[in-house]
Amino acid sequence: MINSQYFLKNTFIIFILFVGAIGCSSNEKQTEAEHLKEVNAWHQVRIDNLLGPEDWLKLAGLYELEEGQQSFGADSTNDLVFPPKAAPTVGTITKKDTTITLQVHDDVVVTHNQDTVSEITKIPGNARSGTVLKHQSLIWYLIDRRGTYYIRLVDEEHPNLTAFDGIQRFPIDSKWRIKAEFNPFDDPKPITVPDVLNEGFSDTLYGTLKFSVDGKEYTLAPLNHPIKGDKFFIIFGDKTNGESTYGGGRYIYIPTPDENGNTYIDFNKSYNPPCVFTDYATCPLPPSQNRLPIAIPAGEKMFKDAQSY
């Protein structure tokens, strides 16, 4: 598994941007029908992205690169063992400090931008923004995690894609679209957000959101700036975790507050972290202040049907 300086700041941010790109409404006068339409439209965008440009359903491997030369391919004698559909030995990857060079065997076809390559120096990026290589239906690119390089492998014909039949959700209920008041701190506060590897990353809190459920007040600590950004990102846990929802909590995007300090938390748009789809992701977990002592039966339920080779 990977060493995490992970995707909340880098790769992960691309995954979560699309779920906030549609229907992040702060309209107080929204009707039931409008709310239902908005949430369903948001969820359809999420599904379309999982089956399309996002890689989470397609991840097939993650390989840490060590210093020196490493062979890779489907044969078990390789240093980096690719899925069976790859050639027995595709070639070698050589790491020298921060330079990564790939050499391909003469009888194997690997392409970059549709051109066949025999040797190439790979450039790290995030979510395919660097050098992307393809062999049959396998695609891989280099990612940098706090100075440690990994090959992230994607299979565009992954069994997950044909087996995927959507994500179960709780019934959409406007009760769980809740008005919240943002209370800013006098001074921003540092926070360490935990992750599944017990490592975590540092971020900044600018205040808390106060809201009520059944007459009782609760708070959540959102990430992102309340003025410089147009959306808050919330990692939260609740009493459904480990039962009907993912044990590591769920995520949600909401609008940043209006001029009166108000916004809406629509728990109907709570969604699963990438870790429910693949073992090759590193997901942030709810910080202690975001573990709600109540059940939130809204949004996505646990996804249990991930496929493997």
C-alpha atoms as a PDB file:
ATOM      1  CA  MET A   1       0.000   0.000   0.000  1.00  0.00           C
ATOM      2  CA  ILE A   2       1.034   3.594  -0.452  1.00  0.00           C
ATOM      3  CA  ASN A   3       2.750   6.195   1.630  1.00  0.00           C
ATOM      4  CA  SER A   4       0.283   9.053   1.775  1.00  0.00           C
ATOM      5  CA  GLN A   5       0.684  12.626   0.785  1.00  0.00           C
ATOM      6  CA  TYR A   6      -2.362  11.712  -1.041  1.00  0.00           C
ATOM      7  CA  PHE A   7      -5.142  12.949  -3.107  1.00  0.00           C
ATOM      8  CA  LEU A   8      -7.050  15.384  -0.910  1.00  0.00           C
ATOM      9  CA  LYS A   9      -4.407  17.891  -1.954  1.00  0.00           C
ATOM     10  CA  ASN A  10      -3.496  16.212  -5.240  1.00  0.00           C
ATOM     11  CA  THR A  11      -5.114  13.277  -7.017  1.00  0.00           C
ATOM     12  CA  PHE A  12      -8.055  13.092  -4.654  1.00  0.00           C
ATOM     13  CA  ILE A  13      -9.104  16.681  -5.251  1.00  0.00           C
ATOM     14  CA  ILE A  14      -9.959  15.848  -8.862  1.00  0.00           C
ATOM     15  CA  PHE A  15     -12.208  13.037  -7.690  1.00  0.00           C
ATOM     16  CA  ILE A  16     -14.147  15.216  -5.292  1.00  0.00           C
ATOM     17  CA  LEU A  17     -14.457  18.289  -7.487  1.00  0.00           C
ATOM     18  CA  PHE A  18     -17.048  16.754  -9.756  1.00  0.00           C
ATOM     19  CA  VAL A  19     -19.387  15.790  -6.935  1.00  0.00           C
ATOM     20  CA  GLY A  20     -19.587  19.437  -5.955  1.00  0.00           C
ATOM     21  CA  ALA A  21     -19.803  20.677  -9.511  1.00  0.00           C
ATOM     22  CA  ILE A  22     -23.527  20.122  -9.801  1.00  0.00           C
ATOM     23  CA  GLY A  23     -26.412  20.894  -7.514  1.00  0.00           C
ATOM     24  CA  CYS A  24     -24.529  22.477  -4.605  1.00  0.00           C
ATOM     25  CA  SER A  25     -27.521  24.675  -3.949  1.00  0.00           C
ATOM     26  CA  SER A  26     -27.914  27.146  -1.095  1.00  0.00           C
ATOM     27  CA  ASN A  27     -31.473  28.021  -2.147  1.00  0.00           C
ATOM     28  CA  GLU A  28     -33.566  28.224   1.015  1.00  0.00           C
ATOM     29  CA  LYS A  29     -36.866  28.106  -0.896  1.00  0.00           C
ATOM     30  CA  GLN A  30     -36.153  24.922  -2.854  1.00  0.00           C
ATOM     31  CA  THR A  31     -39.229  22.735  -3.336  1.00  0.00           C
ATOM     32  CA  GLU A  32     -39.342  18.990  -2.675  1.00  0.00           C
ATOM     33  CA  ALA A  33     -39.471  18.310  -6.416  1.00  0.00           C
ATOM     34  CA  GLU A  34     -36.543  20.638  -7.121  1.00  0.00           C
ATOM     35  CA  HIS A  35     -34.524  19.043  -4.340  1.00  0.00           C
ATOM     36  CA  LEU A  36     -35.217  15.531  -5.615  1.00  0.00           C
ATOM     37  CA  LYS A  37     -34.204  16.530  -9.143  1.00  0.00           C
ATOM     38  CA  GLU A  38     -31.033  18.208  -7.940  1.00  0.00           C
ATOM     39  CA  VAL A  39     -29.831  15.278  -5.832  1.00  0.00           C
ATOM     40  CA  ASN A  40     -30.569  12.747  -8.571  1.00  0.00           C
ATOM     41  CA  ALA A  41     -28.728  14.878 -11.121  1.00  0.00           C
ATOM     42  CA  TRP A  42     -25.733  15.146  -8.780  1.00  0.00           C
ATOM     43  CA  HIS A  43     -25.709  11.383  -8.248  1.00  0.00           C
ATOM     44  CA  GLN A  44     -25.915  10.673 -11.998  1.00  0.00           C
ATOM     45  CA  VAL A  45     -22.851  12.847 -12.580  1.00  0.00           C
ATOM     46  CA  ARG A  46     -21.029  10.852  -9.921  1.00  0.00           C
ATOM     47  CA  ILE A  47     -21.936   7.525 -11.534  1.00  0.00           C
ATOM     48  CA  ASP A  48     -21.018   8.782 -15.014  1.00  0.00           C
ATOM     49  CA  ASN A  49     -17.610   9.879 -13.754  1.00  0.00           C
ATOM     50  CA  LEU A  50     -16.939   6.578 -11.987  1.00  0.00           C
ATOM     51  CA  LEU A  51     -17.634   4.765 -15.251  1.00  0.00           C
ATOM     52  CA  GLY A  52     -15.802   7.335 -17.323  1.00  0.00           C
ATOM     53  CA  PRO A  53     -12.860   9.619 -16.550  1.00  0.00           C
ATOM     54  CA  GLU A  54     -12.324   8.679 -12.909  1.00  0.00           C
ATOM     55  CA  ASP A  55     -10.014   5.729 -12.266  1.00  0.00           C
ATOM     56  CA  TRP A  56     -11.298   4.341  -8.975  1.00  0.00           C
ATOM     57  CA  LEU A  57     -13.272   1.438 -10.473  1.00  0.00           C
ATOM     58  CA  LYS A  58     -10.391   0.682 -12.841  1.00  0.00           C
ATOM     59  CA  LEU A  59      -7.389   0.620 -10.519  1.00  0.00           C
ATOM     60  CA  ALA A  60      -5.469  -2.623 -10.967  1.00  0.00           C
ATOM     61  CA  GLY A  61      -2.244  -2.029  -9.081  1.00  0.00           C
ATOM     62  CA  LEU A  62       0.049   0.321  -7.220  1.00  0.00           C
ATOM     63  CA  TYR A  63       3.802  -0.322  -7.190  1.00  0.00           C
ATOM     64  CA  GLU A  64       6.442   1.482  -5.181  1.00  0.00           C
ATOM     65  CA  LEU A  65       9.594   2.173  -7.165  1.00  0.00           C
ATOM     66  CA  GLU A  66      12.901   1.474  -5.466  1.00  0.00           C
ATOM     67  CA  GLU A  67      16.277   2.818  -6.462  1.00  0.00           C
ATOM     68  CA  GLY A  68      17.810   0.955  -9.396  1.00  0.00           C
ATOM     69  CA  GLN A  69      16.381  -1.216 -12.157  1.00  0.00           C
ATOM     70  CA  GLN A  70      13.163  -3.234 -11.787  1.00  0.00           C
ATOM     71  CA  SER A  71      11.551  -5.557 -14.292  1.00  0.00           C
ATOM     72  CA  PHE A  72       7.807  -5.501 -14.817  1.00  0.00           C
ATOM     73  CA  GLY A  73       5.234  -7.700 -16.537  1.00  0.00           C
ATOM     74  CA  ALA A  74       2.785 -10.528 -15.865  1.00  0.00           C
ATOM     75  CA  ASP A  75       5.346 -13.204 -15.001  1.00  0.00           C
ATOM     76  CA  SER A  76       5.716 -13.773 -11.270  1.00  0.00           C
ATOM     77  CA  THR A  77       9.505 -13.526 -11.536  1.00  0.00           C
ATOM     78  CA  ASN A  78       9.273  -9.794 -12.258  1.00  0.00           C
ATOM     79  CA  ASP A  79       9.997  -7.217  -9.595  1.00  0.00           C
ATOM     80  CA  LEU A  80       6.664  -5.534 -10.377  1.00  0.00           C
ATOM     81  CA  VAL A  81       4.027  -8.142 -11.247  1.00  0.00           C
ATOM     82  CA  PHE A  82       1.334  -6.801 -13.572  1.00  0.00           C
ATOM     83  CA  PRO A  83      -2.052  -8.497 -14.213  1.00  0.00           C
ATOM     84  CA  PRO A  84      -2.075 -11.669 -16.381  1.00  0.00           C
ATOM     85  CA  LYS A  85      -3.175  -9.846 -19.534  1.00  0.00           C
ATOM     86  CA  ALA A  86       0.206  -8.067 -19.745  1.00  0.00           C
ATOM     87  CA  ALA A  87       3.164  -9.533 -21.611  1.00  0.00           C
ATOM     88  CA  PRO A  88       5.257 -11.892 -19.427  1.00  0.00           C
ATOM     89  CA  THR A  89       7.951  -9.228 -19.231  1.00  0.00           C
ATOM     90  CA  VAL A  90       7.094  -5.798 -20.614  1.00  0.00           C
ATOM     91  CA  GLY A  91      10.439  -4.193 -19.856  1.00  0.00           C
ATOM     92  CA  THR A  92      12.327  -2.437 -17.081  1.00  0.00           C
ATOM     93  CA  ILE A  93      11.872   0.696 -15.012  1.00  0.00           C
ATOM     94  CA  THR A  94      14.999   2.355 -13.656  1.00  0.00           C
ATOM     95  CA  LYS A  95      14.919   4.890 -10.851  1.00  0.00           C
ATOM     96  CA  LYS A  96      17.940   7.109 -10.348  1.00  0.00           C
ATOM     97  CA  ASP A  97      17.177   9.734  -7.720  1.00  0.00           C
ATOM     98  CA  THR A  98      14.189  11.586  -9.197  1.00  0.00           C
ATOM     99  CA  THR A  99      14.659  10.361 -12.767  1.00  0.00           C
ATOM    100  CA  ILE A 100      12.485   7.426 -13.880  1.00  0.00           C
ATOM    101  CA  THR A 101      13.325   5.744 -17.193  1.00  0.00           C
ATOM    102  CA  LEU A 102      11.281   2.995 -18.795  1.00  0.00           C
ATOM    103  CA  GLN A 103      12.689   0.613 -21.397  1.00  0.00           C
ATOM    104  CA  VAL A 104      10.391  -1.693 -23.369  1.00  0.00           C
ATOM    105  CA  HIS A 105      11.378  -5.076 -24.809  1.00  0.00           C
ATOM    106  CA  ASP A 106      11.537  -5.191 -28.607  1.00  0.00           C
ATOM    107  CA  ASP A 107       8.625  -7.629 -28.978  1.00  0.00           C
ATOM    108  CA  VAL A 108       6.228  -5.683 -26.722  1.00  0.00           C
ATOM    109  CA  VAL A 109       4.040  -2.756 -27.784  1.00  0.00           C
ATOM    110  CA  VAL A 110       3.765   0.135 -25.333  1.00  0.00           C
ATOM    111  CA  THR A 111       2.409   3.478 -26.505  1.00  0.00           C
ATOM    112  CA  HIS A 112       2.540   7.075 -25.328  1.00  0.00           C
ATOM    113  CA  ASN A 113       0.090   9.478 -26.977  1.00  0.00           C
ATOM    114  CA  GLN A 114      -0.599   6.658 -29.503  1.00  0.00           C
ATOM    115  CA  ASP A 115       3.066   6.495 -30.501  1.00  0.00           C
ATOM    116  CA  THR A 116       4.987   3.275 -29.869  1.00  0.00           C
ATOM    117  CA  VAL A 117       7.877   3.812 -27.482  1.00  0.00           C
ATOM    118  CA  SER A 118      10.996   1.774 -26.727  1.00  0.00           C
ATOM    119  CA  GLU A 119      12.410   4.097 -24.074  1.00  0.00           C
ATOM    120  CA  ILE A 120      10.975   7.092 -22.254  1.00  0.00           C
ATOM    121  CA  THR A 121      11.720   9.197 -19.195  1.00  0.00           C
ATOM    122  CA  LYS A 122       8.570   9.371 -17.128  1.00  0.00           C
ATOM    123  CA  ILE A 123       7.251  12.566 -15.615  1.00  0.00           C
ATOM    124  CA  PRO A 124       5.190  12.314 -12.399  1.00  0.00           C
ATOM    125  CA  GLY A 125       1.774  13.921 -12.250  1.00  0.00           C
ATOM    126  CA  ASN A 126      -1.610  13.651 -10.627  1.00  0.00           C
ATOM    127  CA  ALA A 127      -4.534  11.731 -12.128  1.00  0.00           C
ATOM    128  CA  ARG A 128      -2.775  11.171 -15.469  1.00  0.00           C
ATOM    129  CA  SER A 129      -1.361  14.674 -15.743  1.00  0.00           C
ATOM    130  CA  GLY A 130       2.141  13.257 -16.212  1.00  0.00           C
ATOM    131  CA  THR A 131       3.512  10.649 -18.624  1.00  0.00           C
ATOM    132  CA  VAL A 132       0.815   8.079 -19.439  1.00  0.00           C
ATOM    133  CA  LEU A 133       1.750   4.744 -21.015  1.00  0.00           C
ATOM    134  CA  LYS A 134      -0.485   2.020 -22.422  1.00  0.00           C
ATOM    135  CA  HIS A 135      -0.069  -1.701 -23.076  1.00  0.00           C
ATOM    136  CA  GLN A 136      -3.167  -3.499 -24.318  1.00  0.00           C
ATOM    137  CA  SER A 137      -5.952  -2.311 -21.958  1.00  0.00           C
ATOM    138  CA  LEU A 138      -3.490  -1.431 -19.186  1.00  0.00           C
ATOM    139  CA  ILE A 139      -2.579   2.192 -18.548  1.00  0.00           C
ATOM    140  CA  TRP A 140      -0.046   3.402 -16.024  1.00  0.00           C
ATOM    141  CA  TYR A 141       1.448   6.644 -14.846  1.00  0.00           C
ATOM    142  CA  LEU A 142       3.859   7.863 -12.200  1.00  0.00           C
ATOM    143  CA  ILE A 143       2.674   9.481  -8.963  1.00  0.00           C
ATOM    144  CA  ASP A 144       4.736  11.212  -6.285  1.00  0.00           C
ATOM    145  CA  ARG A 145       3.872  10.702  -2.617  1.00  0.00           C
ATOM    146  CA  ARG A 146       6.120  12.885  -0.452  1.00  0.00           C
ATOM    147  CA  GLY A 147       9.129  12.105  -2.602  1.00  0.00           C
ATOM    148  CA  THR A 148       8.355   8.392  -2.993  1.00  0.00           C
ATOM    149  CA  TYR A 149       7.403   7.350  -6.526  1.00  0.00           C
ATOM    150  CA  TYR A 150       4.730   4.809  -7.396  1.00  0.00           C
ATOM    151  CA  ILE A 151       3.362   3.353 -10.600  1.00  0.00           C
ATOM    152  CA  ARG A 152      -0.438   3.558 -10.587  1.00  0.00           C
ATOM    153  CA  LEU A 153      -1.933   0.941 -12.897  1.00  0.00           C
ATOM    154  CA  VAL A 154      -5.369   1.189 -14.486  1.00  0.00           C
ATOM    155  CA  ASP A 155      -7.200  -1.446 -16.515  1.00  0.00           C
ATOM    156  CA  GLU A 156      -9.708   0.083 -18.909  1.00  0.00           C
ATOM    157  CA  GLU A 157     -11.355  -3.346 -19.144  1.00  0.00           C
ATOM    158  CA  HIS A 158     -11.407  -3.929 -15.398  1.00  0.00           C
ATOM    159  CA  PRO A 159     -14.086  -6.420 -14.225  1.00  0.00           C
ATOM    160  CA  ASN A 160     -15.485  -3.646 -12.017  1.00  0.00           C
ATOM    161  CA  LEU A 161     -16.758  -1.786 -15.070  1.00  0.00           C
ATOM    162  CA  THR A 162     -19.000  -4.572 -16.352  1.00  0.00           C
ATOM    163  CA  ALA A 163     -20.067  -5.664 -12.869  1.00  0.00           C
ATOM    164  CA  PHE A 164     -20.867  -2.166 -11.606  1.00  0.00           C
ATOM    165  CA  ASP A 165     -24.583  -1.724 -11.100  1.00  0.00           C
ATOM    166  CA  GLY A 166     -24.681   1.573  -9.254  1.00  0.00           C
ATOM    167  CA  ILE A 167     -24.454   2.475  -5.581  1.00  0.00           C
ATOM    168  CA  GLN A 168     -27.320   1.972  -3.200  1.00  0.00           C
ATOM    169  CA  ARG A 169     -28.606   5.089  -1.470  1.00  0.00           C
ATOM    170  CA  PHE A 170     -30.952   5.960   1.318  1.00  0.00           C
ATOM    171  CA  PRO A 171     -34.240   7.471   0.098  1.00  0.00           C
ATOM    172  CA  ILE A 172     -33.817  11.160  -0.667  1.00  0.00           C
ATOM    173  CA  ASP A 173     -35.321  13.106   2.218  1.00  0.00           C
ATOM    174  CA  SER A 174     -35.373  16.905   2.506  1.00  0.00           C
ATOM    175  CA  LYS A 175     -35.108  16.479   6.282  1.00  0.00           C
ATOM    176  CA  TRP A 176     -31.412  15.867   5.718  1.00  0.00           C
ATOM    177  CA  ARG A 177     -30.906  19.114   3.805  1.00  0.00           C
ATOM    178  CA  ILE A 178     -30.105  21.164   6.874  1.00  0.00           C
ATOM    179  CA  LYS A 179     -29.412  24.852   7.322  1.00  0.00           C
ATOM    180  CA  ALA A 180     -26.093  25.463   9.054  1.00  0.00           C
ATOM    181  CA  GLU A 181     -24.436  28.496  10.586  1.00  0.00           C
ATOM    182  CA  PHE A 182     -20.733  29.017  10.059  1.00  0.00           C
ATOM    183  CA  ASN A 183     -18.911  30.309  13.139  1.00  0.00           C
ATOM    184  CA  PRO A 184     -15.427  31.511  12.144  1.00  0.00           C
ATOM    185  CA  PHE A 185     -12.445  31.249  14.463  1.00  0.00           C
ATOM    186  CA  ASP A 186     -10.648  34.428  15.484  1.00  0.00           C
ATOM    187  CA  ASP A 187      -7.496  32.776  14.177  1.00  0.00           C
ATOM    188  CA  PRO A 188      -7.276  29.742  11.847  1.00  0.00           C
ATOM    189  CA  LYS A 189      -6.428  26.497  13.621  1.00  0.00           C
ATOM    190  CA  PRO A 190      -4.170  23.687  12.358  1.00  0.00           C
ATOM    191  CA  ILE A 191      -5.628  20.215  12.022  1.00  0.00           C
ATOM    192  CA  THR A 192      -4.181  16.810  11.224  1.00  0.00           C
ATOM    193  CA  VAL A 193      -6.656  14.799   9.191  1.00  0.00           C
ATOM    194  CA  PRO A 194      -6.128  11.049   9.779  1.00  0.00           C
ATOM    195  CA  ASP A 195      -6.074   8.461   7.015  1.00  0.00           C
ATOM    196  CA  VAL A 196      -6.357   4.710   6.570  1.00  0.00           C
ATOM    197  CA  LEU A 197      -2.600   4.279   6.974  1.00  0.00           C
ATOM    198  CA  ASN A 198      -2.535   6.006  10.366  1.00  0.00           C
ATOM    199  CA  GLU A 199      -0.460   8.817   8.915  1.00  0.00           C
ATOM    200  CA  GLY A 200      -2.567  11.823   7.981  1.00  0.00           C
ATOM    201  CA  PHE A 201      -1.896  15.275   6.580  1.00  0.00           C
ATOM    202  CA  SER A 202      -1.922  18.817   7.904  1.00  0.00           C
ATOM    203  CA  ASP A 203      -4.585  21.335   6.973  1.00  0.00           C
ATOM    204  CA  THR A 204      -6.260  24.445   8.358  1.00  0.00           C
ATOM    205  CA  LEU A 205      -9.659  25.024   9.961  1.00  0.00           C
ATOM    206  CA  TYR A 206     -11.304  28.433   9.684  1.00  0.00           C
ATOM    207  CA  GLY A 207     -14.372  27.739  11.794  1.00  0.00           C
ATOM    208  CA  THR A 208     -17.176  25.290  12.521  1.00  0.00           C
ATOM    209  CA  LEU A 209     -20.643  24.643  11.179  1.00  0.00           C
ATOM    210  CA  LYS A 210     -23.493  24.524  13.704  1.00  0.00           C
ATOM    211  CA  PHE A 211     -26.739  22.781  12.771  1.00  0.00           C
ATOM    212  CA  SER A 212     -29.662  21.026  14.426  1.00  0.00           C
ATOM    213  CA  VAL A 213     -31.214  17.579  14.019  1.00  0.00           C
ATOM    214  CA  ASP A 214     -34.447  16.832  15.863  1.00  0.00           C
ATOM    215  CA  GLY A 215     -33.941  19.826  18.111  1.00  0.00           C
ATOM    216  CA  LYS A 216     -30.365  18.982  19.139  1.00  0.00           C
ATOM    217  CA  GLU A 217     -27.330  20.980  18.042  1.00  0.00           C
ATOM    218  CA  TYR A 218     -24.249  19.460  16.408  1.00  0.00           C
ATOM    219  CA  THR A 219     -21.099  20.812  14.808  1.00  0.00           C
ATOM    220  CA  LEU A 220     -18.816  19.848  11.938  1.00  0.00           C
ATOM    221  CA  ALA A 221     -15.417  21.210  10.956  1.00  0.00           C
ATOM    222  CA  PRO A 222     -15.164  21.851   7.195  1.00  0.00           C
ATOM    223  CA  LEU A 223     -11.998  22.106   5.120  1.00  0.00           C
ATOM    224  CA  ASN A 224     -11.306  24.885   2.585  1.00  0.00           C
ATOM    225  CA  HIS A 225     -11.410  28.647   3.001  1.00  0.00           C
ATOM    226  CA  PRO A 226     -14.858  30.180   3.649  1.00  0.00           C
ATOM    227  CA  ILE A 227     -14.220  33.128   1.339  1.00  0.00           C
ATOM    228  CA  LYS A 228     -11.492  32.111  -1.109  1.00  0.00           C
ATOM    229  CA  GLY A 229     -13.312  28.878  -2.011  1.00  0.00           C
ATOM    230  CA  ASP A 230     -16.889  28.384  -3.153  1.00  0.00           C
ATOM    231  CA  LYS A 231     -17.295  24.984  -1.456  1.00  0.00           C
ATOM    232  CA  PHE A 232     -16.497  23.392   1.870  1.00  0.00           C
ATOM    233  CA  PHE A 233     -15.311  19.797   1.998  1.00  0.00           C
ATOM    234  CA  ILE A 234     -16.453  17.748   4.998  1.00  0.00           C
ATOM    235  CA  ILE A 235     -15.170  14.334   6.092  1.00  0.00           C
ATOM    236  CA  PHE A 236     -17.631  12.995   8.636  1.00  0.00           C
ATOM    237  CA  GLY A 237     -18.588   9.870  10.521  1.00  0.00           C
ATOM    238  CA  ASP A 238     -21.932   8.884  11.998  1.00  0.00           C
ATOM    239  CA  LYS A 239     -23.670   5.952  13.658  1.00  0.00           C
ATOM    240  CA  THR A 240     -24.441   4.241  10.334  1.00  0.00           C
ATOM    241  CA  ASN A 241     -20.697   3.672   9.707  1.00  0.00           C
ATOM    242  CA  GLY A 242     -19.749   0.007   9.731  1.00  0.00           C
ATOM    243  CA  GLU A 243     -23.377  -1.051   9.294  1.00  0.00           C
ATOM    244  CA  SER A 244     -25.185   0.439   6.309  1.00  0.00           C
ATOM    245  CA  THR A 245     -22.351   2.803   5.343  1.00  0.00           C
ATOM    246  CA  TYR A 246     -18.567   2.613   5.010  1.00  0.00           C
ATOM    247  CA  GLY A 247     -16.793   2.168   8.333  1.00  0.00           C
ATOM    248  CA  GLY A 248     -14.326   4.934   7.515  1.00  0.00           C
ATOM    249  CA  GLY A 249     -16.961   7.630   7.136  1.00  0.00           C
ATOM    250  CA  ARG A 250     -18.233   9.540   4.135  1.00  0.00           C
ATOM    251  CA  TYR A 251     -17.559  12.808   2.315  1.00  0.00           C
ATOM    252  CA  ILE A 252     -19.690  15.746   1.289  1.00  0.00           C
ATOM    253  CA  TYR A 253     -19.283  19.077  -0.484  1.00  0.00           C
ATOM    254  CA  ILE A 254     -21.434  22.050   0.505  1.00  0.00           C
ATOM    255  CA  PRO A 255     -21.540  25.745  -0.457  1.00  0.00           C
ATOM    256  CA  THR A 256     -19.440  28.134   1.594  1.00  0.00           C
ATOM    257  CA  PRO A 257     -21.527  30.511   3.718  1.00  0.00           C
ATOM    258  CA  ASP A 258     -23.467  33.476   2.371  1.00  0.00           C
ATOM    259  CA  GLU A 259     -23.090  37.042   3.625  1.00  0.00           C
ATOM    260  CA  ASN A 260     -25.120  36.121   6.716  1.00  0.00           C
ATOM    261  CA  GLY A 261     -22.873  33.183   7.564  1.00  0.00           C
ATOM    262  CA  ASN A 262     -25.434  30.556   6.528  1.00  0.00           C
ATOM    263  CA  THR A 263     -25.212  27.557   4.230  1.00  0.00           C
ATOM    264  CA  TYR A 264     -26.862  24.145   3.765  1.00  0.00           C
ATOM    265  CA  ILE A 265     -25.529  20.669   4.478  1.00  0.00           C
ATOM    266  CA  ASP A 266     -27.326  18.241   2.193  1.00  0.00           C
ATOM    267  CA  PHE A 267     -26.515  14.844   3.637  1.00  0.00           C
ATOM    268  CA  ASN A 268     -28.390  13.293   0.697  1.00  0.00           C
ATOM    269  CA  LYS A 269     -25.175  14.003  -1.242  1.00  0.00           C
ATOM    270  CA  SER A 270     -22.923  12.129   1.184  1.00  0.00           C
ATOM    271  CA  TYR A 271     -20.717   9.809  -0.826  1.00  0.00           C
ATOM    272  CA  ASN A 272     -18.256   6.963  -0.353  1.00  0.00           C
ATOM    273  CA  PRO A 273     -14.475   7.411  -0.295  1.00  0.00           C
ATOM    274  CA  PRO A 274     -12.518   5.750  -3.121  1.00  0.00           C
ATOM    275  CA  CYS A 275     -11.338   3.068  -0.665  1.00  0.00           C
ATOM    276  CA  VAL A 276     -14.683   1.279  -1.020  1.00  0.00           C
ATOM    277  CA  PHE A 277     -13.911   0.618  -4.691  1.00  0.00           C
ATOM    278  CA  THR A 278     -10.256  -0.371  -4.533  1.00  0.00           C
ATOM    279  CA  ASP A 279      -7.382  -1.379  -2.280  1.00  0.00           C
ATOM    280  CA  TYR A 280      -5.116   1.007  -4.188  1.00  0.00           C
ATOM    281  CA  ALA A 281      -6.367   4.259  -2.680  1.00  0.00           C
ATOM    282  CA  THR A 282      -5.455   6.039   0.541  1.00  0.00           C
ATOM    283  CA  CYS A 283      -8.469   7.771   2.046  1.00  0.00           C
ATOM    284  CA  PRO A 284      -8.688  10.480   4.691  1.00  0.00           C
ATOM    285  CA  LEU A 285     -10.834   9.623   7.708  1.00  0.00           C
ATOM    286  CA  PRO A 286     -13.088  11.825   9.841  1.00  0.00           C
ATOM    287  CA  PRO A 287     -11.210  13.906  12.400  1.00  0.00           C
ATOM    288  CA  SER A 288     -12.445  13.442  15.954  1.00  0.00           C
ATOM    289  CA  GLN A 289     -14.587  16.599  15.895  1.00  0.00           C
ATOM    290  CA  ASN A 290     -16.471  15.291  12.850  1.00  0.00           C
ATOM    291  CA  ARG A 291     -17.664  12.011  14.342  1.00  0.00           C
ATOM    292  CA  LEU A 292     -21.363  12.643  14.882  1.00  0.00           C
ATOM    293  CA  PRO A 293     -23.062  10.761  17.753  1.00  0.00           C
ATOM    294  CA  ILE A 294     -26.190  10.194  15.648  1.00  0.00           C
ATOM    295  CA  ALA A 295     -27.141   8.188  12.573  1.00  0.00           C
ATOM    296  CA  ILE A 296     -27.393  10.039   9.259  1.00  0.00           C
ATOM    297  CA  PRO A 297     -29.534   7.733   7.064  1.00  0.00           C
ATOM    298  CA  ALA A 298     -28.996   9.812   3.936  1.00  0.00           C
ATOM    299  CA  GLY A 299     -26.711   9.635   0.918  1.00  0.00           C
ATOM    300  CA  GLU A 300     -24.750   6.642  -0.309  1.00  0.00           C
ATOM    301  CA  LYS A 301     -24.714   3.286   1.420  1.00  0.00           C
ATOM    302  CA  MET A 302     -21.720   0.966   1.550  1.00  0.00           C
ATOM    303  CA  PHE A 303     -20.541  -0.367  -1.814  1.00  0.00           C
ATOM    304  CA  LYS A 304     -19.781  -4.075  -1.435  1.00  0.00           C
ATOM    305  CA  ASP A 305     -19.394  -5.342  -4.972  1.00  0.00           C
ATOM    306  CA  ALA A 306     -15.839  -4.444  -5.961  1.00  0.00           C
ATOM    307  CA  GLN A 307     -14.409  -7.043  -8.372  1.00  0.00           C
ATOM    308  CA  SER A 308     -10.891  -8.418  -8.568  1.00  0.00           C
ATOM    309  CA  TYR A 309      -8.953 -10.416 -11.161  1.00  0.00           C
END
